């Protein structure tokens, strides 16, 4: 039986779609953490995705797995908000990074944490899942 919660917590890449000021889609693969029915993405306020979210909080996302049967996926639409409070950003960014690094002592983990000055928090409004 397909468990959406388990799937979202086990996968590593979320494809995030935002809209720029002209309404042009911007689609990027991102690292994320799924917790309490929300997605958390660490980034920098200078990135296009962060700039877009500040102007338009509606986002789309897709997480999928498999190119051969069985194939699973979840896609949806949600509202994004920016978390900018330094201590909160550091705490959440660390929890995201620890999904991808064994320790925050690794050079790349430290560099990414230093570059992260905001968190995009996504509250899903509509989610669809599939399995084939």
N, C-alpha and C. Protein backbone atom coordinates (compact mmCIF):
# COMPACT_ATOMS: atom_id res chain seq x y z
N UNK A 1 0.84 -1.19 0.00
CA UNK A 1 0.00 0.00 0.00
C UNK A 1 0.88 1.25 0.00
N UNK A 2 0.58 2.19 -0.86
CA UNK A 2 1.35 3.43 -0.99
C UNK A 2 1.01 4.39 0.14
N UNK A 3 2.01 4.79 0.90
CA UNK A 3 1.83 5.76 1.97
C UNK A 3 2.45 7.09 1.53
N UNK A 4 1.60 8.09 1.34
CA UNK A 4 2.08 9.41 0.91
C UNK A 4 3.08 9.99 1.91
N UNK A 5 2.75 9.91 3.19
CA UNK A 5 3.63 10.46 4.24
C UNK A 5 5.01 9.82 4.19
N UNK A 6 5.03 8.49 4.14
CA UNK A 6 6.30 7.76 4.12
C UNK A 6 7.09 8.10 2.86
N UNK A 7 6.40 8.15 1.73
CA UNK A 7 7.03 8.49 0.45
C UNK A 7 7.67 9.88 0.51
N UNK A 8 6.92 10.88 0.98
CA UNK A 8 7.43 12.26 1.02
C UNK A 8 8.62 12.40 1.96
N UNK A 9 8.64 11.62 3.02
CA UNK A 9 9.75 11.67 3.97
C UNK A 9 10.97 10.88 3.48
N UNK A 10 10.76 9.98 2.53
CA UNK A 10 11.87 9.14 2.07
C UNK A 10 12.58 9.68 0.83
N UNK A 11 11.89 10.47 0.04
CA UNK A 11 12.48 10.98 -1.20
C UNK A 11 13.43 12.13 -0.93
N UNK A 12 14.28 12.44 -1.91
CA UNK A 12 15.33 13.44 -1.71
C UNK A 12 15.19 14.70 -2.57
N UNK A 13 14.45 14.63 -3.67
CA UNK A 13 14.36 15.79 -4.58
C UNK A 13 12.91 16.21 -4.79
N UNK A 14 12.67 17.49 -4.61
CA UNK A 14 11.37 18.10 -4.89
C UNK A 14 11.59 19.07 -6.04
N UNK A 15 10.74 19.00 -7.03
CA UNK A 15 10.80 19.97 -8.13
C UNK A 15 9.83 21.09 -7.79
N UNK A 16 10.37 22.29 -7.65
CA UNK A 16 9.60 23.45 -7.22
C UNK A 16 9.35 24.38 -8.39
N UNK A 17 8.09 24.73 -8.60
CA UNK A 17 7.71 25.66 -9.66
C UNK A 17 7.20 26.95 -9.03
N UNK A 18 7.83 28.05 -9.42
CA UNK A 18 7.39 29.38 -8.99
C UNK A 18 7.14 30.20 -10.26
N UNK A 19 6.55 31.38 -10.08
CA UNK A 19 6.30 32.27 -11.22
C UNK A 19 7.06 33.57 -11.03
N UNK A 20 7.73 34.02 -12.09
CA UNK A 20 8.43 35.30 -11.98
C UNK A 20 7.45 36.45 -12.17
N UNK A 21 7.95 37.68 -12.13
CA UNK A 21 7.07 38.86 -12.19
C UNK A 21 6.26 38.94 -13.48
N UNK A 22 6.72 38.26 -14.55
CA UNK A 22 5.99 38.26 -15.82
C UNK A 22 5.07 37.06 -15.96
N UNK A 23 5.02 36.21 -14.92
CA UNK A 23 4.19 35.02 -14.97
C UNK A 23 4.86 33.84 -15.66
N UNK A 24 6.17 33.96 -15.90
CA UNK A 24 6.92 32.87 -16.53
C UNK A 24 7.31 31.85 -15.47
N UNK A 25 7.03 30.56 -15.71
CA UNK A 25 7.39 29.54 -14.72
C UNK A 25 8.90 29.39 -14.56
N UNK A 26 9.31 29.13 -13.34
CA UNK A 26 10.71 28.85 -12.99
C UNK A 26 10.67 27.52 -12.24
N UNK A 27 11.30 26.49 -12.80
CA UNK A 27 11.23 25.15 -12.23
C UNK A 27 12.63 24.70 -11.83
N UNK A 28 12.79 24.31 -10.55
CA UNK A 28 14.11 23.90 -10.06
C UNK A 28 13.99 22.68 -9.15
N UNK A 29 14.98 21.77 -9.23
CA UNK A 29 15.03 20.67 -8.27
C UNK A 29 15.66 21.20 -6.98
N UNK A 30 15.08 20.84 -5.84
CA UNK A 30 15.61 21.33 -4.56
C UNK A 30 15.64 20.21 -3.53
N UNK A 31 16.54 20.37 -2.55
CA UNK A 31 16.53 19.51 -1.37
C UNK A 31 15.44 20.05 -0.45
N UNK A 32 14.85 19.17 0.33
CA UNK A 32 13.74 19.58 1.18
C UNK A 32 13.62 18.70 2.41
N UNK A 33 12.78 19.14 3.31
CA UNK A 33 12.36 18.33 4.45
C UNK A 33 10.85 18.43 4.53
N UNK A 34 10.20 17.29 4.74
CA UNK A 34 8.74 17.25 4.91
C UNK A 34 8.46 16.95 6.36
N UNK A 35 7.73 17.85 7.02
CA UNK A 35 7.43 17.70 8.44
C UNK A 35 6.12 18.41 8.76
N UNK A 36 5.28 17.77 9.56
CA UNK A 36 4.00 18.36 9.99
C UNK A 36 3.18 18.84 8.79
N UNK A 37 3.18 18.04 7.73
CA UNK A 37 2.40 18.30 6.51
C UNK A 37 2.82 19.57 5.76
N UNK A 38 4.09 19.98 5.96
CA UNK A 38 4.64 21.13 5.24
C UNK A 38 6.00 20.76 4.68
N UNK A 39 6.40 21.47 3.62
CA UNK A 39 7.71 21.30 3.01
C UNK A 39 8.58 22.48 3.41
N UNK A 40 9.85 22.20 3.68
CA UNK A 40 10.81 23.23 4.05
C UNK A 40 12.01 23.15 3.11
N UNK A 41 12.35 24.29 2.50
CA UNK A 41 13.44 24.36 1.54
C UNK A 41 14.37 25.50 1.94
N UNK A 42 15.63 25.17 2.17
CA UNK A 42 16.61 26.20 2.50
C UNK A 42 17.16 26.81 1.23
N UNK A 43 17.32 28.12 1.23
CA UNK A 43 17.86 28.80 0.05
C UNK A 43 18.44 30.15 0.45
N UNK A 44 18.73 30.96 -0.53
CA UNK A 44 19.26 32.29 -0.31
C UNK A 44 18.30 33.30 -0.93
N UNK A 45 18.13 34.43 -0.29
CA UNK A 45 17.17 35.44 -0.78
C UNK A 45 17.55 35.98 -2.17
N UNK A 46 18.79 35.73 -2.62
CA UNK A 46 19.21 36.21 -3.94
C UNK A 46 18.79 35.25 -5.07
N UNK A 47 18.29 34.05 -4.73
CA UNK A 47 17.91 33.09 -5.77
C UNK A 47 16.61 33.51 -6.44
N UNK A 48 16.43 33.05 -7.66
CA UNK A 48 15.21 33.37 -8.40
C UNK A 48 13.98 32.82 -7.69
N UNK A 49 14.07 31.59 -7.16
CA UNK A 49 12.90 31.00 -6.50
C UNK A 49 12.47 31.83 -5.29
N UNK A 50 13.43 32.33 -4.52
CA UNK A 50 13.10 33.16 -3.35
C UNK A 50 12.47 34.48 -3.78
N UNK A 51 13.05 35.11 -4.79
CA UNK A 51 12.50 36.37 -5.30
C UNK A 51 11.07 36.16 -5.79
N UNK A 52 10.85 35.05 -6.50
CA UNK A 52 9.52 34.76 -7.02
C UNK A 52 8.50 34.56 -5.91
N UNK A 53 8.88 33.80 -4.88
CA UNK A 53 7.96 33.52 -3.77
C UNK A 53 7.57 34.81 -3.05
N UNK A 54 8.49 35.76 -2.95
CA UNK A 54 8.17 37.04 -2.31
C UNK A 54 7.11 37.81 -3.09
N UNK A 55 7.09 37.64 -4.41
CA UNK A 55 6.13 38.36 -5.25
C UNK A 55 4.83 37.58 -5.47
N UNK A 56 4.90 36.24 -5.44
CA UNK A 56 3.72 35.40 -5.67
C UNK A 56 3.88 34.13 -4.84
N UNK A 57 3.04 33.97 -3.86
CA UNK A 57 3.20 32.86 -2.92
C UNK A 57 2.63 31.53 -3.42
N UNK A 58 1.99 31.53 -4.57
CA UNK A 58 1.46 30.27 -5.12
C UNK A 58 2.59 29.51 -5.80
N UNK A 59 2.76 28.25 -5.41
CA UNK A 59 3.81 27.41 -5.98
C UNK A 59 3.24 26.06 -6.38
N UNK A 60 3.96 25.37 -7.25
CA UNK A 60 3.65 24.00 -7.61
C UNK A 60 4.84 23.13 -7.24
N UNK A 61 4.60 21.87 -7.01
CA UNK A 61 5.70 20.96 -6.66
C UNK A 61 5.39 19.55 -7.15
N UNK A 62 6.46 18.80 -7.35
CA UNK A 62 6.34 17.41 -7.78
C UNK A 62 7.50 16.62 -7.19
N UNK A 63 7.18 15.46 -6.66
CA UNK A 63 8.17 14.52 -6.15
C UNK A 63 7.81 13.17 -6.74
N UNK A 64 8.74 12.57 -7.48
CA UNK A 64 8.43 11.28 -8.09
C UNK A 64 9.62 10.35 -8.02
N UNK A 65 9.35 9.08 -8.22
CA UNK A 65 10.38 8.06 -8.08
C UNK A 65 10.11 6.95 -9.08
N UNK A 66 11.15 6.58 -9.80
CA UNK A 66 11.04 5.43 -10.69
C UNK A 66 10.92 5.79 -12.15
N UNK A 67 11.58 4.98 -12.96
CA UNK A 67 11.41 5.08 -14.41
C UNK A 67 10.87 3.76 -14.94
N UNK A 68 10.89 2.74 -14.10
CA UNK A 68 10.32 1.44 -14.40
C UNK A 68 9.27 1.13 -13.34
N UNK A 69 8.31 0.33 -13.70
CA UNK A 69 7.28 -0.07 -12.74
C UNK A 69 7.93 -0.67 -11.50
N UNK A 70 7.56 -0.36 -10.29
CA UNK A 70 6.50 0.60 -9.94
C UNK A 70 7.02 2.04 -9.93
N UNK A 71 6.14 2.95 -10.34
CA UNK A 71 6.44 4.37 -10.36
C UNK A 71 5.49 5.06 -9.38
N UNK A 72 6.03 5.91 -8.53
CA UNK A 72 5.24 6.63 -7.55
C UNK A 72 5.46 8.12 -7.70
N UNK A 73 4.47 8.90 -7.33
CA UNK A 73 4.66 10.34 -7.37
C UNK A 73 3.60 11.09 -6.60
N UNK A 74 3.96 12.31 -6.26
CA UNK A 74 3.06 13.24 -5.58
C UNK A 74 3.28 14.60 -6.22
N UNK A 75 2.20 15.27 -6.56
CA UNK A 75 2.32 16.63 -7.07
C UNK A 75 1.25 17.47 -6.41
N UNK A 76 1.49 18.78 -6.40
CA UNK A 76 0.50 19.62 -5.76
C UNK A 76 0.74 21.09 -5.98
N UNK A 77 -0.16 21.84 -5.36
CA UNK A 77 -0.12 23.29 -5.39
C UNK A 77 -0.19 23.74 -3.94
N UNK A 78 0.54 24.80 -3.62
CA UNK A 78 0.51 25.27 -2.25
C UNK A 78 0.81 26.75 -2.14
N UNK A 79 0.79 27.20 -0.90
CA UNK A 79 1.14 28.58 -0.57
C UNK A 79 2.49 28.57 0.12
N UNK A 80 3.38 29.42 -0.36
CA UNK A 80 4.73 29.50 0.21
C UNK A 80 4.86 30.76 1.04
N UNK A 81 5.62 30.62 2.12
CA UNK A 81 5.96 31.81 2.91
C UNK A 81 7.44 31.75 3.21
N UNK A 82 8.03 32.93 3.33
CA UNK A 82 9.46 33.03 3.61
C UNK A 82 9.68 33.14 5.10
N UNK A 83 10.58 32.30 5.60
CA UNK A 83 11.03 32.41 6.99
C UNK A 83 12.40 33.08 6.93
N UNK A 84 12.53 34.20 7.64
CA UNK A 84 13.76 34.99 7.58
C UNK A 84 14.46 35.13 8.93
N UNK A 85 13.80 34.75 10.00
CA UNK A 85 14.38 34.87 11.35
C UNK A 85 15.61 33.97 11.45
N UNK A 86 16.77 34.58 11.72
CA UNK A 86 18.06 33.88 11.65
C UNK A 86 18.13 32.56 12.42
N UNK A 87 17.69 32.56 13.65
CA UNK A 87 17.80 31.34 14.46
C UNK A 87 16.91 30.23 13.91
N UNK A 88 15.73 30.61 13.45
CA UNK A 88 14.81 29.63 12.87
C UNK A 88 15.35 29.09 11.54
N UNK A 89 15.90 29.99 10.73
CA UNK A 89 16.48 29.60 9.44
C UNK A 89 17.61 28.60 9.67
N UNK A 90 18.48 28.89 10.60
CA UNK A 90 19.63 28.01 10.88
C UNK A 90 19.16 26.64 11.37
N UNK A 91 18.17 26.62 12.26
CA UNK A 91 17.67 25.36 12.80
C UNK A 91 17.02 24.50 11.70
N UNK A 92 16.17 25.12 10.90
CA UNK A 92 15.47 24.37 9.84
C UNK A 92 16.45 23.97 8.75
N UNK A 93 17.34 24.88 8.36
CA UNK A 93 18.32 24.56 7.31
C UNK A 93 19.20 23.39 7.74
N UNK A 94 19.59 23.35 9.00
CA UNK A 94 20.39 22.23 9.51
C UNK A 94 19.61 20.93 9.40
N UNK A 95 18.33 20.96 9.75
CA UNK A 95 17.52 19.73 9.66
C UNK A 95 17.35 19.27 8.21
N UNK A 96 17.27 20.22 7.28
CA UNK A 96 17.20 19.85 5.86
C UNK A 96 18.53 19.23 5.43
N UNK A 97 19.62 19.90 5.72
CA UNK A 97 20.94 19.43 5.28
C UNK A 97 21.32 18.07 5.87
N UNK A 98 20.87 17.79 7.07
CA UNK A 98 21.20 16.49 7.68
C UNK A 98 20.48 15.32 7.01
N UNK A 99 19.55 15.60 6.12
CA UNK A 99 18.97 14.54 5.29
C UNK A 99 19.94 14.12 4.18
N UNK A 100 20.91 14.98 3.87
CA UNK A 100 21.80 14.77 2.74
C UNK A 100 23.27 14.58 3.13
N UNK A 101 23.61 14.97 4.34
CA UNK A 101 24.97 14.83 4.84
C UNK A 101 24.94 14.03 6.14
N UNK A 102 25.99 13.24 6.37
CA UNK A 102 26.07 12.46 7.61
C UNK A 102 26.30 13.36 8.81
N UNK A 103 26.93 14.51 8.57
CA UNK A 103 27.29 15.41 9.66
C UNK A 103 27.40 16.83 9.14
N UNK A 104 27.14 17.78 10.02
CA UNK A 104 27.31 19.18 9.64
C UNK A 104 28.78 19.60 9.68
N UNK A 105 29.66 18.66 10.00
CA UNK A 105 31.10 18.95 9.99
C UNK A 105 31.68 18.85 8.58
N UNK A 106 30.91 18.29 7.65
CA UNK A 106 31.40 18.16 6.28
C UNK A 106 31.48 19.56 5.65
N UNK A 107 32.55 19.77 4.88
CA UNK A 107 32.82 21.09 4.28
C UNK A 107 31.62 21.63 3.48
N UNK A 108 31.05 20.81 2.61
CA UNK A 108 29.93 21.27 1.78
C UNK A 108 28.71 21.62 2.62
N UNK A 109 28.46 20.85 3.67
CA UNK A 109 27.32 21.12 4.56
C UNK A 109 27.50 22.49 5.23
N UNK A 110 28.70 22.76 5.71
CA UNK A 110 28.99 24.05 6.36
C UNK A 110 28.80 25.21 5.37
N UNK A 111 29.31 25.03 4.15
CA UNK A 111 29.19 26.08 3.13
C UNK A 111 27.73 26.36 2.79
N UNK A 112 26.96 25.30 2.60
CA UNK A 112 25.55 25.48 2.26
C UNK A 112 24.79 26.16 3.40
N UNK A 113 25.09 25.77 4.63
CA UNK A 113 24.43 26.40 5.79
C UNK A 113 24.75 27.89 5.84
N UNK A 114 25.99 28.25 5.56
CA UNK A 114 26.38 29.66 5.58
C UNK A 114 25.68 30.47 4.49
N UNK A 115 25.43 29.84 3.34
CA UNK A 115 24.77 30.52 2.22
C UNK A 115 23.25 30.65 2.42
N UNK A 116 22.70 29.84 3.30
CA UNK A 116 21.23 29.82 3.49
C UNK A 116 20.81 30.95 4.42
N UNK A 117 20.03 31.89 3.89
CA UNK A 117 19.55 32.99 4.73
C UNK A 117 18.03 33.07 4.79
N UNK A 118 17.36 32.07 4.20
CA UNK A 118 15.91 32.02 4.29
C UNK A 118 15.43 30.58 4.07
N UNK A 119 14.22 30.34 4.51
CA UNK A 119 13.56 29.05 4.31
C UNK A 119 12.25 29.31 3.60
N UNK A 120 11.99 28.54 2.56
CA UNK A 120 10.68 28.58 1.92
C UNK A 120 9.84 27.48 2.58
N UNK A 121 8.76 27.90 3.22
CA UNK A 121 7.84 26.95 3.86
C UNK A 121 6.60 26.83 2.97
N UNK A 122 6.31 25.61 2.54
CA UNK A 122 5.16 25.39 1.65
C UNK A 122 4.07 24.64 2.39
N UNK A 123 2.88 25.23 2.40
CA UNK A 123 1.70 24.57 2.94
C UNK A 123 0.88 24.10 1.74
N UNK A 124 0.82 22.78 1.51
CA UNK A 124 0.06 22.27 0.37
C UNK A 124 -1.43 22.58 0.48
N UNK A 125 -2.04 22.99 -0.62
CA UNK A 125 -3.48 23.24 -0.68
C UNK A 125 -4.20 22.12 -1.43
N UNK A 126 -3.49 21.51 -2.37
CA UNK A 126 -4.05 20.40 -3.15
C UNK A 126 -2.91 19.44 -3.47
N UNK A 127 -3.12 18.16 -3.17
CA UNK A 127 -2.10 17.15 -3.46
C UNK A 127 -2.75 15.99 -4.22
N UNK A 128 -2.05 15.53 -5.24
CA UNK A 128 -2.48 14.37 -6.01
C UNK A 128 -1.33 13.37 -5.98
N UNK A 129 -1.63 12.10 -5.83
CA UNK A 129 -0.57 11.09 -5.86
C UNK A 129 -0.91 10.03 -6.89
N UNK A 130 0.11 9.30 -7.34
CA UNK A 130 -0.10 8.24 -8.31
C UNK A 130 0.88 7.10 -8.08
N UNK A 131 0.50 5.96 -8.58
CA UNK A 131 1.39 4.79 -8.60
C UNK A 131 0.99 3.92 -9.77
N UNK A 132 2.01 3.46 -10.52
CA UNK A 132 1.78 2.61 -11.68
C UNK A 132 2.68 1.41 -11.61
